[in-house]
Amino acid sequence: MITPAKRVDEIQEYYFSRKLKEVAQLNAKGMDIISLAVGSPDMPPSEQTIDKLCEVARLPDAHGYQPTAGIPELRKAMAAFYNRWYDVDLDWQTEIQPLIGSKEGILFAGLTFCNPGDGVLIPNPGYPTYTAVNKLLGTNIIYYTLREDNGWQPDFDELEGMDLSKVKMMITNYPNMPTGGNARKETYERLVDFGYRHSILILNDNPYSLILNEHPMSILQVPGAKDVCVEFNSMSKSHNMPGWRVAMMASNATFISWLLKVQSNIENGSFRGLQLAAAEAFNTNSDDWHRQNNYENYSRRRSIAEEIMLTLGCTFDKNQVGMFLWGKIPDKYKDVEDLTERVLHEARVFITPGFIFGSNGRRYIRISLCAKDEKMKEALDRIKKLKW
């Protein structure tokens, strides 16, 4: 009898993959569910981005395999992006590497730097992929606590009290998802220092820094950070390109060369037209485009999401950033799904229960801002009609 590898038993089908099947069944019954769950931008990329893709796609010689390292035009544009938004200088030839997504980057980093059994520090709450990838890799997952009363920043006293002797890597994510806790200069400085003193690689996942955020930051702004850090970034959120699968990792030249060695044995570079279109977006999307797309649009939606939170009796931090709103449920609910399942089946609105992000999220819900204003207003109206 053929059986799967043991690692398959270590993971589950992704929550949204399972839950969206249920939502599809409800819609098939005429329920017309409004989804405020998944963080997939509903707005299109800029016109010049699409135009460049179409232009290159029509060229007869543009459809061959591309180098895993990415074409020079894209690498230069990614380095310029870091200089423009974070004032970080990267050598486009050696210190930046295109990816098809941060998920893949996390996998490549684990394969590059960790042996089975090595310790990996993972935030709780945190993106479920951090846990799933490390279960597949066979590393020793060690959760570290993020708390609301600490602004969802790492508790460095807790970290220093851990047995770190076998820890090889630490995953961080600022601005934080799901909590919206923003990046802080002090946090980044302490993370770099922590990595240096304990010889721990810091992986910072940074796709949300341009969303509802007046002061985008990168951990690579800290002097010496390249020596102990790898940062992931993405076009999915900030450029409305989630389905395009364009991301990047940045670090020192040696780390990038090691990562590329692993990556090049798994995948080739993406379609040339897609790479040139991504470079076009990096280079030509204006400050006004970013202001309207990443601040004004999400700001309007955020106001509606706050009304939804208040209607449900939830509390939240108004200072959080990113494309979600994270809120704490009232004490009267024994379990978060007592609330989210009622919202789904009675109000016909799909919102995310916080437990999927870890045990420290079990008293929270998350509302996505990736729906049209009118849909969010309709969701609010549906929820207001019920007694909470």
Protein backbone atom coordinates (compact mmCIF):
# COMPACT_ATOMS: atom_id res chain seq x y z
CA MET A 1 0.00 0.00 0.00
CA ILE A 2 1.29 3.45 -0.92
CA THR A 3 1.31 5.88 2.00
CA PRO A 4 2.37 9.55 2.20
CA ALA A 5 5.53 10.76 3.86
CA LYS A 6 5.27 11.38 7.59
CA ARG A 7 5.57 15.14 7.00
CA VAL A 8 2.13 15.12 5.38
CA ASP A 9 0.64 14.09 8.72
CA GLU A 10 2.34 17.06 10.37
CA ILE A 11 0.29 19.65 8.48
CA GLN A 12 -3.34 20.35 7.63
CA GLU A 13 -4.96 21.83 4.60
CA TYR A 14 -4.70 25.62 4.87
CA TYR A 15 -7.64 27.07 6.83
CA PHE A 16 -8.82 29.34 4.03
CA SER A 17 -8.61 26.50 1.53
CA ARG A 18 -10.99 24.47 3.70
CA LYS A 19 -13.27 27.28 4.77
CA LEU A 20 -13.70 28.75 1.29
CA LYS A 21 -15.10 25.39 0.19
CA GLU A 22 -17.81 25.80 2.83
CA VAL A 23 -18.44 29.39 1.73
CA ALA A 24 -18.79 28.18 -1.88
CA GLN A 25 -21.39 25.63 -0.77
CA LEU A 26 -23.32 28.34 1.08
CA ASN A 27 -23.21 30.57 -1.99
CA ALA A 28 -24.48 27.69 -4.11
CA LYS A 29 -27.51 27.65 -1.82
CA GLY A 30 -28.08 31.35 -2.49
CA MET A 31 -26.57 32.71 0.75
CA ASP A 32 -24.51 35.42 -1.04
CA ILE A 33 -21.67 35.47 1.50
CA ILE A 34 -19.58 38.65 1.68
CA SER A 35 -15.96 37.69 2.34
CA LEU A 36 -13.97 39.96 4.63
CA ALA A 37 -11.48 37.21 5.38
CA VAL A 38 -8.71 36.84 2.81
CA GLY A 39 -6.04 39.49 2.26
CA SER A 40 -6.10 39.52 -1.53
CA PRO A 41 -6.23 43.09 -2.92
CA ASP A 42 -9.33 43.55 -5.08
CA MET A 43 -7.94 46.52 -7.02
CA PRO A 44 -5.93 46.15 -10.24
CA PRO A 45 -2.26 46.99 -10.80
CA SER A 46 -1.46 50.30 -12.48
CA GLU A 47 -2.29 50.63 -16.17
CA GLN A 48 1.35 50.90 -17.19
CA THR A 49 2.07 47.60 -15.42
CA ILE A 50 -0.61 45.78 -17.42
CA ASP A 51 0.39 47.52 -20.63
CA LYS A 52 4.00 46.37 -20.25
CA LEU A 53 2.91 42.77 -19.66
CA CYS A 54 0.77 42.80 -22.80
CA GLU A 55 3.51 44.44 -24.83
CA VAL A 56 6.13 41.84 -23.93
CA ALA A 57 3.70 38.92 -24.21
CA ARG A 58 3.25 39.74 -27.91
CA LEU A 59 6.97 39.44 -28.63
CA PRO A 60 7.81 36.09 -30.26
CA ASP A 61 11.16 35.73 -28.47
CA ALA A 62 9.96 36.51 -24.91
CA HIS A 63 8.60 33.10 -23.92
CA GLY A 64 11.67 31.03 -23.12
CA TYR A 65 13.06 29.97 -19.75
CA GLN A 66 14.39 32.79 -17.63
CA PRO A 67 17.29 32.74 -15.15
CA THR A 68 16.35 31.94 -11.56
CA ALA A 69 18.41 34.97 -10.50
CA GLY A 70 15.96 37.23 -12.35
CA ILE A 71 16.62 39.61 -15.20
CA PRO A 72 18.76 42.72 -14.55
CA GLU A 73 15.82 45.10 -15.16
CA LEU A 74 13.86 43.54 -12.30
CA ARG A 75 16.77 43.30 -9.88
CA LYS A 76 17.66 46.96 -10.51
CA ALA A 77 14.03 47.99 -9.95
CA MET A 78 13.87 46.04 -6.68
CA ALA A 79 17.03 47.70 -5.42
CA ALA A 80 15.61 51.11 -6.42
CA PHE A 81 12.40 50.27 -4.51
CA TYR A 82 14.42 49.72 -1.33
CA ASN A 83 16.27 52.96 -1.83
CA ARG A 84 13.09 54.92 -2.56
CA TRP A 85 10.95 53.72 0.35
CA TYR A 86 13.45 52.71 3.04
CA ASP A 87 16.65 54.62 2.14
CA VAL A 88 18.44 51.25 2.05
CA ASP A 89 21.19 50.71 -0.51
CA LEU A 90 21.36 47.24 -2.06
CA ASP A 91 23.73 45.99 -4.74
CA TRP A 92 21.28 44.86 -7.41
CA GLN A 93 23.72 42.23 -8.67
CA THR A 94 24.46 40.50 -5.37
CA GLU A 95 22.20 41.62 -2.50
CA ILE A 96 18.69 41.07 -3.83
CA GLN A 97 16.94 38.02 -5.25
CA PRO A 98 13.50 37.77 -6.91
CA LEU A 99 11.01 35.21 -5.62
CA ILE A 100 7.54 34.10 -6.63
CA GLY A 101 6.37 34.69 -3.06
CA SER A 102 7.43 35.02 0.57
CA LYS A 103 6.09 31.52 1.27
CA GLU A 104 8.68 30.15 -1.11
CA GLY A 105 11.34 32.41 0.37
CA ILE A 106 10.70 31.08 3.87
CA LEU A 107 11.04 27.54 2.53
CA PHE A 108 14.31 28.38 0.74
CA ALA A 109 15.69 30.01 3.89
CA GLY A 110 14.85 26.97 5.98
CA LEU A 111 16.46 24.65 3.44
CA THR A 112 19.52 26.90 3.23
CA PHE A 113 20.21 27.58 6.90
CA CYS A 114 18.56 24.83 8.96
CA ASN A 115 19.11 21.13 9.43
CA PRO A 116 16.30 18.90 10.73
CA GLY A 117 16.04 19.41 14.47
CA ASP A 118 17.48 22.93 14.50
CA GLY A 119 15.40 25.39 16.49
CA VAL A 120 13.31 28.07 14.77
CA LEU A 121 11.61 30.89 16.71
CA ILE A 122 8.12 31.61 15.36
CA PRO A 123 5.73 34.38 16.52
CA ASN A 124 2.47 33.56 18.30
CA PRO A 125 0.19 34.90 16.87
CA GLY A 126 1.70 34.70 13.40
CA TYR A 127 1.21 33.76 9.78
CA PRO A 128 0.31 30.01 9.69
CA THR A 129 2.79 29.38 6.87
CA TYR A 130 5.69 29.97 9.28
CA THR A 131 4.61 26.92 11.24
CA ALA A 132 3.59 24.78 8.28
CA VAL A 133 6.87 25.27 6.39
CA ASN A 134 8.94 24.38 9.43
CA LYS A 135 6.88 21.26 10.08
CA LEU A 136 7.67 20.18 6.52
CA LEU A 137 11.35 20.93 7.10
CA GLY A 138 11.48 18.95 10.34
CA THR A 139 12.89 21.80 12.39
CA ASN A 140 12.13 22.28 16.09
CA ILE A 141 9.42 24.94 16.31
CA ILE A 142 9.71 27.23 19.32
CA TYR A 143 6.97 29.83 19.69
CA TYR A 144 7.66 33.23 21.18
CA THR A 145 4.92 35.41 22.62
CA LEU A 146 3.43 38.55 21.10
CA ARG A 147 1.02 40.41 23.39
CA GLU A 148 -1.36 43.30 22.89
CA ASP A 149 -0.07 45.10 26.01
CA ASN A 150 3.41 45.07 24.44
CA GLY A 151 2.24 46.43 21.08
CA TRP A 152 2.64 42.95 19.56
CA GLN A 153 6.42 43.34 19.76
CA PRO A 154 8.76 40.52 20.85
CA ASP A 155 9.27 40.11 24.59
CA PHE A 156 13.06 40.19 24.69
CA ASP A 157 13.20 39.21 28.38
CA GLU A 158 11.27 36.05 27.49
CA LEU A 159 13.57 35.40 24.53
CA GLU A 160 16.73 35.82 26.57
CA GLY A 161 15.36 33.36 29.14
CA MET A 162 14.95 30.59 26.57
CA ASP A 163 17.47 27.86 25.79
CA LEU A 164 18.82 29.26 22.54
CA SER A 165 21.74 26.87 22.15
CA LYS A 166 20.19 25.02 19.20
CA VAL A 167 18.20 27.89 17.71
CA LYS A 168 19.33 28.70 14.16
CA MET A 169 16.65 31.06 12.88
CA MET A 170 13.97 33.52 14.06
CA ILE A 171 11.02 34.64 11.94
CA THR A 172 9.64 38.14 12.49
CA ASN A 173 6.92 40.03 10.64
CA TYR A 174 6.54 43.80 10.82
CA PRO A 175 4.22 45.45 10.19
CA ASN A 176 2.69 42.44 11.87
CA MET A 177 0.03 40.22 10.42
CA PRO A 178 -2.54 39.55 11.83
CA THR A 179 -2.30 42.13 14.62
CA GLY A 180 -1.38 45.29 12.69
CA GLY A 181 1.42 46.06 15.16
CA ASN A 182 3.74 48.46 13.37
CA ALA A 183 7.50 48.20 12.89
CA ARG A 184 9.55 50.05 15.49
CA LYS A 185 13.13 51.23 15.19
CA GLU A 186 13.90 49.98 18.70
CA THR A 187 12.48 46.53 17.90
CA TYR A 188 14.56 46.24 14.74
CA GLU A 189 17.71 47.36 16.58
CA ARG A 190 17.13 44.83 19.35
CA LEU A 191 16.43 42.05 16.85
CA VAL A 192 19.71 42.72 15.04
CA ASP A 193 21.58 42.76 18.35
CA PHE A 194 19.81 39.55 19.42
CA GLY A 195 20.79 37.85 16.17
CA TYR A 196 24.43 38.92 16.51
CA ARG A 197 24.83 37.82 20.13
CA HIS A 198 23.21 34.42 19.68
CA SER A 199 24.27 33.68 16.06
CA ILE A 200 20.62 33.47 15.03
CA LEU A 201 19.49 34.40 11.52
CA ILE A 202 16.62 36.91 11.61
CA LEU A 203 14.05 36.51 8.81
CA ASN A 204 11.86 39.61 8.60
CA ASP A 205 8.71 39.29 6.48
CA ASN A 206 7.83 42.82 5.34
CA PRO A 207 4.98 42.91 2.75
CA TYR A 208 2.66 45.36 4.55
CA SER A 209 4.88 48.37 5.21
CA LEU A 210 3.27 50.59 2.55
CA ILE A 211 -0.35 49.91 3.59
CA LEU A 212 -1.97 52.59 5.81
CA ASN A 213 1.51 53.47 7.03
CA GLU A 214 3.03 56.94 6.91
CA HIS A 215 6.54 55.75 7.79
CA PRO A 216 7.55 52.51 6.02
CA MET A 217 10.53 50.79 7.63
CA SER A 218 12.91 47.95 6.86
CA ILE A 219 15.04 46.00 9.30
CA LEU A 220 17.90 46.56 6.84
CA GLN A 221 17.95 50.22 7.92
CA VAL A 222 19.75 49.08 11.08
CA PRO A 223 23.56 49.27 10.70
CA GLY A 224 24.99 45.77 10.34
CA ALA A 225 21.59 44.16 9.75
CA LYS A 226 22.65 42.54 6.48
CA ASP A 227 25.12 40.39 8.41
CA VAL A 228 22.41 38.56 10.37
CA CYS A 229 19.15 39.31 8.55
CA VAL A 230 17.25 38.30 5.44
CA GLU A 231 14.21 40.43 4.60
CA PHE A 232 11.32 39.37 2.40
CA ASN A 233 9.15 41.86 0.57
CA SER A 234 6.38 41.53 -1.98
CA MET A 235 4.38 43.27 -4.69
CA SER A 236 1.21 41.37 -3.73
CA LYS A 237 -0.14 43.96 -1.32
CA SER A 238 1.56 47.25 -2.15
CA HIS A 239 1.15 46.98 -5.94
CA ASN A 240 -2.14 45.00 -6.17
CA MET A 241 -0.38 42.00 -7.68
CA PRO A 242 -1.11 38.94 -5.48
CA GLY A 243 -1.74 36.61 -8.41
CA TRP A 244 1.36 37.75 -10.27
CA ARG A 245 3.63 36.15 -7.65
CA VAL A 246 6.45 38.67 -7.50
CA ALA A 247 8.46 39.00 -4.31
CA MET A 248 12.06 39.40 -3.24
CA MET A 249 14.60 38.66 -0.54
CA ALA A 250 17.42 41.00 0.42
CA SER A 251 20.55 40.42 2.48
CA ASN A 252 24.33 40.27 2.12
CA ALA A 253 25.88 38.80 -1.01
CA THR A 254 26.98 35.55 0.66
CA PHE A 255 23.53 34.75 2.07
CA ILE A 256 21.91 35.55 -1.27
CA SER A 257 24.35 33.25 -3.09
CA TRP A 258 23.52 30.39 -0.70
CA LEU A 259 19.79 30.99 -1.07
CA LEU A 260 20.08 31.11 -4.86
CA LYS A 261 21.90 27.77 -4.84
CA VAL A 262 18.82 26.17 -3.23
CA GLN A 263 16.27 28.14 -5.24
CA SER A 264 17.90 27.36 -8.59
CA ASN A 265 17.52 23.65 -7.95
CA ILE A 266 13.77 24.05 -7.41
CA GLU A 267 12.53 26.65 -9.89
CA ASN A 268 13.39 28.81 -12.89
CA GLY A 269 12.74 32.50 -13.21
CA SER A 270 9.20 33.65 -13.95
CA PHE A 271 7.94 34.76 -17.38
CA ARG A 272 10.02 37.60 -18.86
CA GLY A 273 6.94 39.73 -19.50
CA LEU A 274 5.90 39.42 -15.88
CA GLN A 275 9.37 40.45 -14.70
CA LEU A 276 9.47 43.49 -16.99
CA ALA A 277 5.96 44.48 -15.96
CA ALA A 278 6.94 44.22 -12.30
CA ALA A 279 9.96 46.42 -12.97
CA GLU A 280 7.64 48.91 -14.69
CA ALA A 281 5.44 49.03 -11.59
CA PHE A 282 8.38 49.59 -9.26
CA ASN A 283 9.80 52.31 -11.48
CA THR A 284 6.71 54.23 -12.61
CA ASN A 285 3.98 53.92 -9.95
CA SER A 286 3.98 57.47 -8.63
CA ASP A 287 3.75 58.72 -5.07
CA ASP A 288 0.18 59.81 -5.89
CA TRP A 289 -0.66 56.28 -7.07
CA HIS A 290 0.67 54.81 -3.85
CA ARG A 291 -1.08 57.44 -1.75
CA GLN A 292 -4.46 56.75 -3.33
CA ASN A 293 -4.09 53.00 -3.51
CA ASN A 294 -2.29 52.16 -0.27
CA TYR A 295 -3.60 54.88 1.99
CA GLU A 296 -6.78 56.62 0.85
CA ASN A 297 -8.65 53.54 -0.40
CA TYR A 298 -7.78 51.43 2.62
CA SER A 299 -8.46 54.32 4.98
CA ARG A 300 -12.09 54.52 3.82
CA ARG A 301 -12.50 50.79 4.20
CA ARG A 302 -10.80 50.81 7.57
CA SER A 303 -13.46 53.22 8.90
CA ILE A 304 -16.19 50.77 7.88
CA ALA A 305 -14.30 47.85 9.44
CA GLU A 306 -14.03 49.80 12.68
CA GLU A 307 -17.83 50.23 12.68
CA ILE A 308 -18.19 46.47 12.21
CA MET A 309 -15.88 45.84 15.15
CA LEU A 310 -17.81 48.24 17.36
CA THR A 311 -21.15 46.71 16.34
CA LEU A 312 -19.83 43.27 17.35
CA GLY A 313 -18.68 44.66 20.69
CA CYS A 314 -15.00 44.16 19.90
CA THR A 315 -12.14 46.40 20.99
CA PHE A 316 -9.18 47.33 18.81
CA ASP A 317 -6.07 49.50 18.59
CA LYS A 318 -6.64 52.45 16.25
CA ASN A 319 -2.89 52.72 15.64
CA GLN A 320 -2.56 49.39 13.83
CA VAL A 321 -1.50 49.42 10.17
CA GLY A 322 -1.82 47.10 7.19
CA MET A 323 -4.79 45.75 5.24
CA PHE A 324 -6.61 44.09 8.13
CA LEU A 325 -8.31 45.17 11.34
CA TRP A 326 -7.60 43.00 14.39
CA GLY A 327 -10.00 43.13 17.32
CA LYS A 328 -10.60 41.44 20.67
CA ILE A 329 -13.96 39.73 21.16
CA PRO A 330 -16.25 40.41 24.16
CA ASP A 331 -15.84 38.25 27.27
CA LYS A 332 -19.35 36.84 26.86
CA TYR A 333 -18.17 34.55 24.07
CA LYS A 334 -16.62 31.32 25.30
CA ASP A 335 -14.94 30.72 21.94
CA VAL A 336 -14.17 33.02 19.02
CA GLU A 337 -16.09 30.76 16.62
CA ASP A 338 -19.23 31.36 18.68
CA LEU A 339 -19.02 34.82 17.15
CA THR A 340 -17.51 34.19 13.70
CA GLU A 341 -19.84 31.29 12.86
CA ARG A 342 -22.88 33.36 13.78
CA VAL A 343 -21.60 36.22 11.65
CA LEU A 344 -21.15 33.76 8.78
CA HIS A 345 -24.45 31.91 8.96
CA GLU A 346 -26.77 34.67 10.18
CA ALA A 347 -25.24 37.87 8.81
CA ARG A 348 -23.74 36.06 5.80
CA VAL A 349 -20.34 37.70 6.29
CA PHE A 350 -17.09 35.72 6.43
CA ILE A 351 -14.51 37.06 8.90
CA THR A 352 -11.46 35.28 10.25
CA PRO A 353 -11.20 33.75 13.73
CA GLY A 354 -7.87 34.60 15.32
CA PHE A 355 -7.08 31.11 16.56
CA ILE A 356 -5.76 30.16 13.11
CA PHE A 357 -2.78 32.43 13.85
CA GLY A 358 -1.90 30.69 17.11
CA SER A 359 -3.09 30.31 20.69
CA ASN A 360 -2.49 34.01 21.44
CA GLY A 361 -5.07 34.87 18.78
CA ARG A 362 -7.93 32.78 20.15
CA ARG A 363 -9.78 35.79 21.63
CA TYR A 364 -9.51 37.89 18.46
CA ILE A 365 -11.04 38.29 15.01
CA ARG A 366 -9.55 39.73 11.83
CA ILE A 367 -11.40 41.74 9.19
CA SER A 368 -9.86 42.12 5.74
CA LEU A 369 -10.03 45.48 3.97
CA CYS A 370 -9.81 43.78 0.56
CA ALA A 371 -13.41 44.33 -0.51
CA LYS A 372 -15.10 47.18 -2.33
CA ASP A 373 -16.49 49.99 -0.17
CA GLU A 374 -20.07 49.11 -1.07
CA LYS A 375 -19.56 45.46 -0.11
CA MET A 376 -18.10 46.44 3.23
CA LYS A 377 -21.02 48.80 3.85
CA GLU A 378 -23.44 46.00 2.98
CA ALA A 379 -21.62 43.70 5.41
CA LEU A 380 -21.98 46.36 8.10
CA ASP A 381 -25.70 46.73 7.37
CA ARG A 382 -26.25 42.97 7.60
CA ILE A 383 -24.42 42.77 10.92
CA LYS A 384 -26.31 45.77 12.33
CA LYS A 385 -29.62 44.05 11.68
CA LEU A 386 -28.82 41.33 14.20
CA LYS A 387 -28.75 41.64 17.97
CA TRP A 388 -25.28 41.26 19.40
